Amino acid sequence: MLDISLVAFAYLLGSVSTAIITCKMMGLADPRSEGSKNPGATNVLRIGGKKAAAITLVGDFLKGLIPVLIAHLAGATDAVLAAVALAAFLGHLYPLFFGFMGGKGVATALGVLLGISWPVALACLATWVVMAKVFKVSSLSALTAAVLAPLYMWLLEPAPVFWAMNLVIAVLLIWRHRSNIQRLLSGAESRIDKGKRG
């Protein structure tokens, strides 16, 4: 019963859209109706600026991290930890409270990974930063980190259940970025310093 409660809590917390709530509280446009129409930090940045984007980023990160930490404190097994992590991520992508239309999951995935294995999270963050510095494209940075994340997990935290969880998250991240991939292939994807999409 405790295990089911932990997974349910993770999904419900993940379903809380930081982007939508932040924009509403700051008197900004609904991120689902402006810019890329994605309720995530990158779109909030173009709608409301750095402060709103930072709040969104931290909120999305924490709703991935907090459920995993609580599961750790509750003495959950690796299998339950993996289920909790995946539930929090799925909550962000398909939120119960917002018509199952959520964000792309980059910050929430990082929070989840930090809760599972800080070395893996650090490796993914470093990958994102390096790619962003070199190419100035947020989606390309996120996709590169997502592709490499299962490899990092395999090398740094070689528990099969965590690797499987990470692989599912990576596949979903790539799927949610499919429109970005199309623009990357056509050379139309915007840069971080000039972005109009995300």
N, C-alpha and C. Protein backbone atom coordinates (compact mmCIF):
# COMPACT_ATOMS: atom_id res chain seq x y z
N MET A 1 0.84 -1.20 0.00
CA MET A 1 0.00 0.00 0.00
C MET A 1 0.88 1.26 0.00
N LEU A 2 1.96 1.24 0.77
CA LEU A 2 2.86 2.38 0.81
C LEU A 2 3.49 2.61 -0.56
N ASP A 3 3.88 1.52 -1.21
CA ASP A 3 4.51 1.64 -2.52
C ASP A 3 3.56 2.29 -3.53
N ILE A 4 2.30 1.86 -3.52
CA ILE A 4 1.31 2.43 -4.44
C ILE A 4 1.09 3.91 -4.13
N SER A 5 1.06 4.25 -2.85
CA SER A 5 0.87 5.64 -2.44
C SER A 5 2.03 6.52 -2.91
N LEU A 6 3.24 5.99 -2.81
CA LEU A 6 4.42 6.74 -3.25
C LEU A 6 4.37 7.02 -4.76
N VAL A 7 3.98 6.01 -5.53
CA VAL A 7 3.89 6.17 -6.99
C VAL A 7 2.77 7.15 -7.34
N ALA A 8 1.63 7.03 -6.67
CA ALA A 8 0.50 7.93 -6.94
C ALA A 8 0.86 9.37 -6.59
N PHE A 9 1.50 9.56 -5.45
CA PHE A 9 1.93 10.90 -5.04
C PHE A 9 2.90 11.50 -6.08
N ALA A 10 3.81 10.69 -6.56
CA ALA A 10 4.79 11.16 -7.55
C ALA A 10 4.09 11.63 -8.82
N TYR A 11 3.11 10.86 -9.28
CA TYR A 11 2.39 11.25 -10.50
C TYR A 11 1.60 12.53 -10.28
N LEU A 12 0.92 12.62 -9.13
CA LEU A 12 0.10 13.81 -8.86
C LEU A 12 0.96 15.06 -8.72
N LEU A 13 2.11 14.93 -8.05
CA LEU A 13 3.00 16.08 -7.92
C LEU A 13 3.56 16.46 -9.29
N GLY A 14 3.91 15.46 -10.07
CA GLY A 14 4.39 15.73 -11.42
C GLY A 14 3.35 16.42 -12.28
N SER A 15 2.07 16.18 -11.98
CA SER A 15 0.97 16.75 -12.75
C SER A 15 0.74 18.24 -12.47
N VAL A 16 1.40 18.76 -11.45
CA VAL A 16 1.27 20.19 -11.13
C VAL A 16 2.14 20.98 -12.12
N SER A 17 1.53 21.74 -13.00
CA SER A 17 2.28 22.47 -14.03
C SER A 17 2.85 23.77 -13.48
N THR A 18 4.13 23.77 -13.22
CA THR A 18 4.79 24.97 -12.69
C THR A 18 4.68 26.13 -13.68
N ALA A 19 4.80 25.83 -14.96
CA ALA A 19 4.75 26.89 -15.98
C ALA A 19 3.41 27.60 -15.99
N ILE A 20 2.33 26.83 -15.99
CA ILE A 20 1.00 27.42 -16.04
C ILE A 20 0.70 28.21 -14.78
N ILE A 21 1.03 27.64 -13.62
CA ILE A 21 0.77 28.31 -12.35
C ILE A 21 1.61 29.57 -12.21
N THR A 22 2.89 29.50 -12.58
CA THR A 22 3.77 30.66 -12.50
C THR A 22 3.27 31.79 -13.39
N CYS A 23 2.91 31.47 -14.61
CA CYS A 23 2.42 32.49 -15.54
C CYS A 23 1.13 33.13 -15.04
N LYS A 24 0.24 32.31 -14.48
CA LYS A 24 -1.02 32.84 -13.97
C LYS A 24 -0.77 33.76 -12.79
N MET A 25 0.09 33.37 -11.86
CA MET A 25 0.36 34.18 -10.67
C MET A 25 1.10 35.48 -11.01
N MET A 26 1.87 35.47 -12.11
CA MET A 26 2.61 36.67 -12.51
C MET A 26 1.88 37.50 -13.55
N GLY A 27 0.63 37.12 -13.84
CA GLY A 27 -0.17 37.89 -14.78
C GLY A 27 0.29 37.76 -16.22
N LEU A 28 0.90 36.64 -16.56
CA LEU A 28 1.41 36.41 -17.91
C LEU A 28 0.44 35.55 -18.71
N ALA A 29 0.67 35.49 -20.00
CA ALA A 29 -0.17 34.68 -20.86
C ALA A 29 0.01 33.20 -20.55
N ASP A 30 -1.01 32.42 -20.80
CA ASP A 30 -0.93 30.97 -20.62
C ASP A 30 0.11 30.42 -21.61
N PRO A 31 1.13 29.72 -21.11
CA PRO A 31 2.17 29.23 -22.02
C PRO A 31 1.66 28.23 -23.06
N ARG A 32 0.46 27.70 -22.84
CA ARG A 32 -0.11 26.77 -23.82
C ARG A 32 -0.72 27.50 -25.01
N SER A 33 -0.79 28.83 -24.90
CA SER A 33 -1.41 29.60 -25.99
C SER A 33 -0.45 30.59 -26.63
N GLU A 34 0.78 30.66 -26.13
CA GLU A 34 1.77 31.61 -26.65
C GLU A 34 3.06 30.89 -27.01
N GLY A 35 3.87 31.53 -27.87
CA GLY A 35 5.16 30.99 -28.24
C GLY A 35 5.06 29.62 -28.86
N SER A 36 5.79 28.66 -28.30
CA SER A 36 5.76 27.29 -28.82
C SER A 36 4.56 26.51 -28.29
N LYS A 37 3.81 27.15 -27.38
CA LYS A 37 2.64 26.52 -26.74
C LYS A 37 3.02 25.33 -25.85
N ASN A 38 4.27 25.32 -25.44
CA ASN A 38 4.76 24.27 -24.55
C ASN A 38 4.87 24.82 -23.13
N PRO A 39 4.21 24.16 -22.14
CA PRO A 39 4.29 24.63 -20.75
C PRO A 39 5.59 24.22 -20.08
N GLY A 40 6.66 24.86 -20.51
CA GLY A 40 7.97 24.57 -19.95
C GLY A 40 8.79 25.84 -19.78
N ALA A 41 9.96 25.71 -19.17
CA ALA A 41 10.77 26.89 -18.82
C ALA A 41 11.23 27.68 -20.04
N THR A 42 11.57 27.00 -21.13
CA THR A 42 12.06 27.70 -22.32
C THR A 42 10.98 28.61 -22.90
N ASN A 43 9.75 28.11 -22.96
CA ASN A 43 8.66 28.93 -23.48
C ASN A 43 8.29 30.05 -22.51
N VAL A 44 8.34 29.75 -21.21
CA VAL A 44 8.05 30.79 -20.21
C VAL A 44 9.10 31.91 -20.29
N LEU A 45 10.33 31.55 -20.62
CA LEU A 45 11.39 32.55 -20.77
C LEU A 45 11.03 33.59 -21.82
N ARG A 46 10.50 33.14 -22.93
CA ARG A 46 10.17 34.10 -24.00
C ARG A 46 8.87 34.85 -23.72
N ILE A 47 8.01 34.24 -22.89
CA ILE A 47 6.75 34.90 -22.56
C ILE A 47 6.91 35.91 -21.44
N GLY A 48 7.65 35.51 -20.39
CA GLY A 48 7.70 36.35 -19.19
C GLY A 48 9.07 36.73 -18.69
N GLY A 49 10.13 36.29 -19.36
CA GLY A 49 11.47 36.68 -18.95
C GLY A 49 12.14 35.70 -18.01
N LYS A 50 13.32 36.09 -17.54
CA LYS A 50 14.19 35.19 -16.80
C LYS A 50 13.64 34.78 -15.44
N LYS A 51 13.01 35.70 -14.72
CA LYS A 51 12.50 35.37 -13.39
C LYS A 51 11.44 34.29 -13.46
N ALA A 52 10.47 34.47 -14.35
CA ALA A 52 9.39 33.49 -14.50
C ALA A 52 9.95 32.15 -14.96
N ALA A 53 10.92 32.20 -15.86
CA ALA A 53 11.53 30.97 -16.37
C ALA A 53 12.30 30.24 -15.28
N ALA A 54 13.00 30.99 -14.43
CA ALA A 54 13.77 30.39 -13.35
C ALA A 54 12.84 29.70 -12.35
N ILE A 55 11.72 30.35 -12.02
CA ILE A 55 10.76 29.75 -11.10
C ILE A 55 10.21 28.45 -11.69
N THR A 56 9.89 28.50 -12.97
CA THR A 56 9.37 27.31 -13.66
C THR A 56 10.39 26.18 -13.67
N LEU A 57 11.63 26.53 -13.98
CA LEU A 57 12.70 25.54 -14.05
C LEU A 57 12.89 24.85 -12.70
N VAL A 58 12.96 25.65 -11.63
CA VAL A 58 13.17 25.09 -10.29
C VAL A 58 11.98 24.23 -9.88
N GLY A 59 10.77 24.72 -10.15
CA GLY A 59 9.58 23.96 -9.81
C GLY A 59 9.51 22.62 -10.52
N ASP A 60 9.79 22.63 -11.82
CA ASP A 60 9.77 21.38 -12.59
C ASP A 60 10.85 20.41 -12.11
N PHE A 61 12.00 20.96 -11.75
CA PHE A 61 13.10 20.14 -11.23
C PHE A 61 12.71 19.50 -9.90
N LEU A 62 12.14 20.28 -9.00
CA LEU A 62 11.81 19.79 -7.67
C LEU A 62 10.71 18.74 -7.69
N LYS A 63 9.77 18.86 -8.61
CA LYS A 63 8.69 17.87 -8.62
C LYS A 63 9.17 16.52 -9.16
N GLY A 64 10.35 16.51 -9.76
CA GLY A 64 10.99 15.25 -10.10
C GLY A 64 11.81 14.73 -8.94
N LEU A 65 12.49 15.63 -8.25
CA LEU A 65 13.39 15.24 -7.16
C LEU A 65 12.66 14.83 -5.89
N ILE A 66 11.68 15.62 -5.46
CA ILE A 66 11.04 15.42 -4.16
C ILE A 66 10.41 14.03 -3.99
N PRO A 67 9.62 13.53 -4.94
CA PRO A 67 9.03 12.20 -4.74
C PRO A 67 10.07 11.09 -4.59
N VAL A 68 11.18 11.21 -5.33
CA VAL A 68 12.22 10.19 -5.25
C VAL A 68 12.90 10.25 -3.88
N LEU A 69 13.15 11.45 -3.38
CA LEU A 69 13.76 11.59 -2.06
C LEU A 69 12.85 11.03 -0.97
N ILE A 70 11.55 11.30 -1.08
CA ILE A 70 10.60 10.77 -0.10
C ILE A 70 10.59 9.24 -0.15
N ALA A 71 10.64 8.69 -1.36
CA ALA A 71 10.67 7.23 -1.50
C ALA A 71 11.95 6.65 -0.87
N HIS A 72 13.06 7.36 -1.05
CA HIS A 72 14.31 6.94 -0.41
C HIS A 72 14.14 6.89 1.11
N LEU A 73 13.57 7.97 1.67
CA LEU A 73 13.39 8.06 3.12
C LEU A 73 12.43 6.98 3.63
N ALA A 74 11.51 6.57 2.77
CA ALA A 74 10.54 5.54 3.16
C ALA A 74 11.12 4.13 3.04
N GLY A 75 12.37 4.05 2.59
CA GLY A 75 13.01 2.75 2.47
C GLY A 75 12.56 1.93 1.27
N ALA A 76 12.15 2.61 0.21
CA ALA A 76 11.65 1.91 -0.98
C ALA A 76 12.75 1.09 -1.65
N THR A 77 12.35 0.02 -2.28
CA THR A 77 13.28 -0.80 -3.05
C THR A 77 13.66 -0.09 -4.33
N ASP A 78 14.68 -0.60 -5.01
CA ASP A 78 15.09 0.00 -6.29
C ASP A 78 13.95 0.00 -7.30
N ALA A 79 13.17 -1.07 -7.32
CA ALA A 79 12.05 -1.15 -8.26
C ALA A 79 11.01 -0.07 -7.99
N VAL A 80 10.72 0.16 -6.71
CA VAL A 80 9.75 1.20 -6.35
C VAL A 80 10.32 2.58 -6.64
N LEU A 81 11.60 2.79 -6.35
CA LEU A 81 12.24 4.06 -6.66
C LEU A 81 12.13 4.36 -8.15
N ALA A 82 12.38 3.36 -8.97
CA ALA A 82 12.29 3.54 -10.42
C ALA A 82 10.87 3.86 -10.84
N ALA A 83 9.89 3.19 -10.23
CA ALA A 83 8.48 3.45 -10.54
C ALA A 83 8.08 4.86 -10.12
N VAL A 84 8.54 5.29 -8.96
CA VAL A 84 8.25 6.65 -8.47
C VAL A 84 8.86 7.69 -9.42
N ALA A 85 10.10 7.46 -9.80
CA ALA A 85 10.77 8.39 -10.71
C ALA A 85 10.03 8.49 -12.04
N LEU A 86 9.63 7.37 -12.58
CA LEU A 86 8.92 7.36 -13.86
C LEU A 86 7.55 8.00 -13.73
N ALA A 87 6.88 7.78 -12.60
CA ALA A 87 5.56 8.37 -12.37
C ALA A 87 5.62 9.89 -12.32
N ALA A 88 6.64 10.43 -11.63
CA ALA A 88 6.80 11.88 -11.55
C ALA A 88 7.03 12.47 -12.94
N PHE A 89 7.86 11.80 -13.73
CA PHE A 89 8.15 12.26 -15.08
C PHE A 89 6.90 12.20 -15.96
N LEU A 90 6.16 11.10 -15.87
CA LEU A 90 4.94 10.97 -16.66
C LEU A 90 3.89 11.99 -16.24
N GLY A 91 3.87 12.34 -14.95
CA GLY A 91 2.95 13.36 -14.49
C GLY A 91 3.21 14.69 -15.16
N HIS A 92 4.49 15.02 -15.35
CA HIS A 92 4.83 16.28 -16.03
C HIS A 92 4.43 16.23 -17.50
N LEU A 93 4.69 15.11 -18.16
CA LEU A 93 4.36 14.99 -19.57
C LEU A 93 2.86 14.92 -19.82
N TYR A 94 2.17 14.18 -18.94
CA TYR A 94 0.73 13.95 -19.12
C TYR A 94 0.01 14.26 -17.81
N PRO A 95 -0.11 15.56 -17.47
CA PRO A 95 -0.66 15.96 -16.17
C PRO A 95 -2.17 15.75 -16.04
N LEU A 96 -2.55 15.11 -14.96
CA LEU A 96 -3.96 14.86 -14.68
C LEU A 96 -4.75 16.16 -14.59
N PHE A 97 -4.14 17.20 -14.03
CA PHE A 97 -4.85 18.44 -13.75
C PHE A 97 -4.95 19.38 -14.95
N PHE A 98 -4.28 19.07 -16.03
CA PHE A 98 -4.25 19.98 -17.18
C PHE A 98 -4.50 19.24 -18.49
N GLY A 99 -5.49 18.35 -18.46
CA GLY A 99 -5.90 17.69 -19.68
C GLY A 99 -4.86 16.78 -20.30
N PHE A 100 -3.93 16.30 -19.49
CA PHE A 100 -2.87 15.38 -19.95
C PHE A 100 -1.99 16.01 -21.03
N MET A 101 -1.93 17.34 -21.04
CA MET A 101 -1.09 18.07 -22.00
C MET A 101 -0.01 18.83 -21.24
N GLY A 102 1.17 18.22 -21.10
CA GLY A 102 2.23 18.82 -20.31
C GLY A 102 3.43 19.23 -21.12
N GLY A 103 4.55 19.43 -20.42
CA GLY A 103 5.77 19.89 -21.05
C GLY A 103 6.60 18.75 -21.62
N LYS A 104 7.83 19.07 -21.96
CA LYS A 104 8.70 18.08 -22.60
C LYS A 104 9.57 17.31 -21.62
N GLY A 105 9.66 17.79 -20.37
CA GLY A 105 10.19 16.97 -19.31
C GLY A 105 11.67 17.06 -18.99
N VAL A 106 12.38 18.01 -19.56
CA VAL A 106 13.83 18.05 -19.37
C VAL A 106 14.20 18.32 -17.91
N ALA A 107 13.65 19.37 -17.32
CA ALA A 107 13.99 19.71 -15.93
C ALA A 107 13.50 18.64 -14.96
N THR A 108 12.30 18.11 -15.19
CA THR A 108 11.77 17.07 -14.31
C THR A 108 12.63 15.81 -14.40
N ALA A 109 13.08 15.47 -15.59
CA ALA A 109 13.96 14.31 -15.76
C ALA A 109 15.26 14.50 -14.99
N LEU A 110 15.79 15.71 -15.02
CA LEU A 110 17.03 15.98 -14.28
C LEU A 110 16.80 15.82 -12.78
N GLY A 111 15.66 16.30 -12.28
CA GLY A 111 15.34 16.14 -10.87
C GLY A 111 15.22 14.68 -10.47
N VAL A 112 14.55 13.91 -11.32
CA VAL A 112 14.41 12.47 -11.10
C VAL A 112 15.77 11.79 -11.03
N LEU A 113 16.62 12.14 -11.99
CA LEU A 113 17.95 11.51 -12.05
C LEU A 113 18.80 11.88 -10.84
N LEU A 114 18.67 13.13 -10.38
CA LEU A 114 19.42 13.53 -9.19
C LEU A 114 18.98 12.71 -7.98
N GLY A 115 17.69 12.44 -7.88
CA GLY A 115 17.19 11.63 -6.78
C GLY A 115 17.67 10.20 -6.84
N ILE A 116 17.84 9.68 -8.04
CA ILE A 116 18.29 8.30 -8.23
C ILE A 116 19.81 8.20 -8.11
N SER A 117 20.53 9.08 -8.80
CA SER A 117 21.99 9.01 -8.83
C SER A 117 22.57 10.38 -9.19
N TRP A 118 23.16 11.05 -8.22
CA TRP A 118 23.69 12.39 -8.50
C TRP A 118 24.81 12.38 -9.54
N PRO A 119 25.67 11.34 -9.61
CA PRO A 119 26.69 11.36 -10.67
C PRO A 119 26.08 11.35 -12.07
N VAL A 120 25.01 10.58 -12.24
CA VAL A 120 24.33 10.53 -13.55
C VAL A 120 23.72 11.88 -13.87
N ALA A 121 23.04 12.48 -12.88
CA ALA A 121 22.44 13.79 -13.09
C ALA A 121 23.49 14.83 -13.44
N LEU A 122 24.63 14.78 -12.75
CA LEU A 122 25.71 15.73 -13.02
C LEU A 122 26.27 15.54 -14.43
N ALA A 123 26.41 14.28 -14.85
CA ALA A 123 26.91 14.00 -16.20
C ALA A 123 25.95 14.52 -17.25
N CYS A 124 24.66 14.35 -17.02
CA CYS A 124 23.65 14.85 -17.97
C CYS A 124 23.64 16.37 -18.02
N LEU A 125 23.74 17.00 -16.84
CA LEU A 125 23.77 18.45 -16.79
C LEU A 125 25.01 18.99 -17.50
N ALA A 126 26.15 18.36 -17.27
CA ALA A 126 27.39 18.78 -17.94
C ALA A 126 27.27 18.65 -19.45
N THR A 127 26.62 17.57 -19.90
CA THR A 127 26.41 17.37 -21.34
C THR A 127 25.56 18.50 -21.91
N TRP A 128 24.48 18.84 -21.20
CA TRP A 128 23.59 19.92 -21.66
C TRP A 128 24.36 21.23 -21.75
N VAL A 129 25.11 21.55 -20.70
CA VAL A 129 25.84 22.82 -20.66
C VAL A 129 26.86 22.91 -21.79
N VAL A 130 27.62 21.86 -22.00
CA VAL A 130 28.64 21.87 -23.06
C VAL A 130 27.98 22.04 -24.43
N MET A 131 26.93 21.29 -24.68
CA MET A 131 26.23 21.39 -25.97
C MET A 131 25.61 22.78 -26.16
N ALA A 132 25.06 23.32 -25.08
CA ALA A 132 24.44 24.64 -25.17
C ALA A 132 25.48 25.73 -25.43
N LYS A 133 26.65 25.59 -24.79
CA LYS A 133 27.73 26.55 -25.00
C LYS A 133 28.23 26.52 -26.44
N VAL A 134 28.34 25.31 -26.98
CA VAL A 134 28.91 25.14 -28.31
C VAL A 134 27.91 25.47 -29.41
N PHE A 135 26.69 24.91 -29.30
CA PHE A 135 25.73 25.02 -30.41
C PHE A 135 24.62 26.04 -30.17
N LYS A 136 24.43 26.48 -28.91
CA LYS A 136 23.41 27.49 -28.58
C LYS A 136 22.00 27.06 -28.96
N VAL A 137 21.73 25.76 -28.89
CA VAL A 137 20.40 25.24 -29.22
C VAL A 137 19.91 24.37 -28.06
N SER A 138 18.88 24.83 -27.37
CA SER A 138 18.40 24.15 -26.17
C SER A 138 17.92 22.73 -26.47
N SER A 139 17.14 22.56 -27.54
CA SER A 139 16.60 21.24 -27.85
C SER A 139 17.70 20.24 -28.18
N LEU A 140 18.70 20.67 -28.93
CA LEU A 140 19.82 19.79 -29.27
C LEU A 140 20.58 19.37 -28.02
N SER A 141 20.74 20.30 -27.10
CA SER A 141 21.42 20.00 -25.83
C SER A 141 20.63 18.98 -25.03
N ALA A 142 19.31 19.17 -24.96
CA ALA A 142 18.45 18.25 -24.22
C ALA A 142 18.44 16.87 -24.86
N LEU A 143 18.36 16.82 -26.18
CA LEU A 143 18.33 15.54 -26.89
C LEU A 143 19.64 14.77 -26.71
N THR A 144 20.75 15.48 -26.76
CA THR A 144 22.05 14.84 -26.58
C THR A 144 22.16 14.24 -25.17
N ALA A 145 21.75 15.02 -24.17
CA ALA A 145 21.79 14.53 -22.79
C ALA A 145 20.86 13.33 -22.62
N ALA A 146 19.68 13.38 -23.27
CA ALA A 146 18.72 12.28 -23.16
C ALA A 146 19.28 11.00 -23.77
N VAL A 147 19.94 11.12 -24.92
CA VAL A 147 20.51 9.95 -25.59
C VAL A 147 21.63 9.33 -24.75
N LEU A 148 22.44 10.18 -24.12
CA LEU A 148 23.57 9.69 -23.35
C LEU A 148 23.21 9.25 -21.93
N ALA A 149 22.07 9.68 -21.43
CA ALA A 149 21.68 9.38 -20.05
C ALA A 149 21.66 7.88 -19.74
N PRO A 150 21.06 7.02 -20.58
CA PRO A 150 21.10 5.59 -20.26
C PRO A 150 22.52 5.02 -20.20
N LEU A 151 23.39 5.55 -21.05
CA LEU A 151 24.79 5.11 -21.00
C LEU A 151 25.44 5.53 -19.69
N TYR A 152 25.20 6.77 -19.28
CA TYR A 152 25.73 7.24 -18.00
C TYR A 152 25.21 6.37 -16.85
N MET A 153 23.91 6.05 -16.91
CA MET A 153 23.31 5.23 -15.85
C MET A 153 23.94 3.84 -15.83
N TRP A 154 24.17 3.28 -16.99
CA TRP A 154 24.76 1.95 -17.08
C TRP A 154 26.18 1.93 -16.50
N LEU A 155 26.92 3.01 -16.75
CA LEU A 155 28.30 3.08 -16.29
C LEU A 155 28.43 3.47 -14.82
N LEU A 156 27.56 4.37 -14.36
CA LEU A 156 27.72 4.95 -13.03
C LEU A 156 26.80 4.37 -11.96
N GLU A 157 25.68 3.80 -12.37
CA GLU A 157 24.70 3.25 -11.42
C GLU A 157 24.10 1.99 -12.04
N PRO A 158 24.92 0.94 -12.17
CA PRO A 158 24.54 -0.21 -12.98
C PRO A 158 23.50 -1.15 -12.37
N ALA A 159 22.36 -0.58 -12.00
CA ALA A 159 21.24 -1.40 -11.55
C ALA A 159 20.27 -1.51 -12.73
N PRO A 160 19.96 -2.72 -13.20
CA PRO A 160 19.12 -2.89 -14.39
C PRO A 160 17.79 -2.13 -14.34
N VAL A 161 17.16 -2.07 -13.17
CA VAL A 161 15.86 -1.41 -13.08
C VAL A 161 16.01 0.10 -13.29
N PHE A 162 17.10 0.70 -12.83
CA PHE A 162 17.32 2.12 -13.05
C PHE A 162 17.67 2.40 -14.52
N TRP A 163 18.44 1.49 -15.11
CA TRP A 163 18.78 1.66 -16.52
C TRP A 163 17.53 1.59 -17.38
N ALA A 164 16.64 0.65 -17.08
CA ALA A 164 15.40 0.50 -17.84
C ALA A 164 14.53 1.74 -17.69
N MET A 165 14.42 2.24 -16.45
CA MET A 165 13.66 3.46 -16.20
C MET A 165 14.23 4.63 -16.99
N ASN A 166 15.55 4.75 -16.97
CA ASN A 166 16.21 5.85 -17.67
C ASN A 166 16.01 5.74 -19.18
N LEU A 167 16.02 4.52 -19.68
CA LEU A 167 15.81 4.31 -21.11
C LEU A 167 14.41 4.75 -21.53
N VAL A 168 13.41 4.42 -20.71
CA VAL A 168 12.04 4.85 -21.00
C VAL A 168 11.94 6.37 -21.01
N ILE A 169 12.55 7.02 -20.02
CA ILE A 169 12.54 8.48 -19.96
C ILE A 169 13.23 9.07 -21.19
N ALA A 170 14.35 8.50 -21.58
CA ALA A 170 15.08 9.00 -22.75
C ALA A 170 14.23 8.89 -24.02
N VAL A 171 13.57 7.76 -24.20
CA VAL A 171 12.72 7.57 -25.38
C VAL A 171 11.57 8.57 -25.39
N LEU A 172 10.95 8.78 -24.23
CA LEU A 172 9.84 9.73 -24.14
C LEU A 172 10.31 11.16 -24.38
N LEU A 173 11.48 11.50 -23.87
CA LEU A 173 12.04 12.84 -24.11
C LEU A 173 12.26 13.06 -25.60
N ILE A 174 12.81 12.09 -26.26
CA ILE A 174 13.05 12.21 -27.70
C ILE A 174 11.72 12.33 -28.45
N TRP A 175 10.74 11.54 -28.04
CA TRP A 175 9.42 11.60 -28.66
C TRP A 175 8.79 12.98 -28.48
N ARG A 176 8.90 13.53 -27.29
CA ARG A 176 8.30 14.85 -27.02
C ARG A 176 9.02 15.96 -27.78
N HIS A 177 10.24 15.70 -28.21
CA HIS A 177 11.01 16.69 -28.96
C HIS A 177 10.97 16.43 -30.47
N ARG A 178 10.00 15.65 -30.94
CA ARG A 178 10.00 15.27 -32.36
C ARG A 178 9.85 16.48 -33.28
N SER A 179 9.08 17.49 -32.87
CA SER A 179 8.96 18.68 -33.72
C SER A 179 10.28 19.45 -33.74
N ASN A 180 10.99 19.46 -32.61
CA ASN A 180 12.31 20.09 -32.57
C ASN A 180 13.29 19.35 -33.48
N ILE A 181 13.20 18.03 -33.49
CA ILE A 181 14.08 17.23 -34.34
C ILE A 181 13.85 17.57 -35.81
N GLN A 182 12.60 17.73 -36.19
CA GLN A 182 12.28 18.10 -37.58
C GLN A 182 12.90 19.45 -37.94
N ARG A 183 12.81 20.40 -37.00
CA ARG A 183 13.39 21.72 -37.27
C ARG A 183 14.91 21.67 -37.28
N LEU A 184 15.48 20.82 -36.42
CA LEU A 184 16.94 20.67 -36.42
C LEU A 184 17.41 20.12 -37.77
N LEU A 185 16.70 19.13 -38.27
CA LEU A 185 17.08 18.52 -39.55
C LEU A 185 16.92 19.48 -40.72
N SER A 186 15.96 20.40 -40.60
CA SER A 186 15.74 21.37 -41.68
C SER A 186 16.54 22.66 -41.50
N GLY A 187 17.23 22.76 -40.35
CA GLY A 187 18.02 23.95 -40.07
C GLY A 187 17.20 25.14 -39.60
N ALA A 188 15.96 24.86 -39.16
CA ALA A 188 15.06 25.95 -38.77
C ALA A 188 14.92 26.11 -37.27
N GLU A 189 15.59 25.27 -36.48
CA GLU A 189 15.47 25.37 -35.02
C GLU A 189 16.15 26.63 -34.51
N SER A 190 15.47 27.30 -33.58
CA SER A 190 15.99 28.56 -33.06
C SER A 190 17.09 28.34 -32.04
N ARG A 191 17.91 29.37 -31.86
CA ARG A 191 19.01 29.33 -30.90
C ARG A 191 18.55 29.86 -29.56
N ILE A 192 19.28 29.51 -28.52
CA ILE A 192 18.95 29.94 -27.16
C ILE A 192 18.92 31.45 -27.06
N ASP A 193 19.87 32.11 -27.73
CA ASP A 193 19.96 33.57 -27.61
C ASP A 193 19.01 34.32 -28.54
N LYS A 194 18.30 33.58 -29.39
CA LYS A 194 17.38 34.25 -30.31
C LYS A 194 16.02 33.57 -30.36
N GLY A 195 15.81 32.56 -29.49
CA GLY A 195 14.71 31.61 -29.64
C GLY A 195 13.33 32.16 -29.76
N LYS A 196 12.56 31.51 -30.62
CA LYS A 196 11.13 31.75 -30.74
C LYS A 196 10.33 30.46 -30.57
N ARG A 197 11.08 29.36 -30.43
CA ARG A 197 10.44 28.07 -30.25
C ARG A 197 11.01 27.39 -29.02
N GLY A 198 10.64 26.14 -28.76
CA GLY A 198 11.24 25.43 -27.64
C GLY A 198 10.52 24.16 -27.31
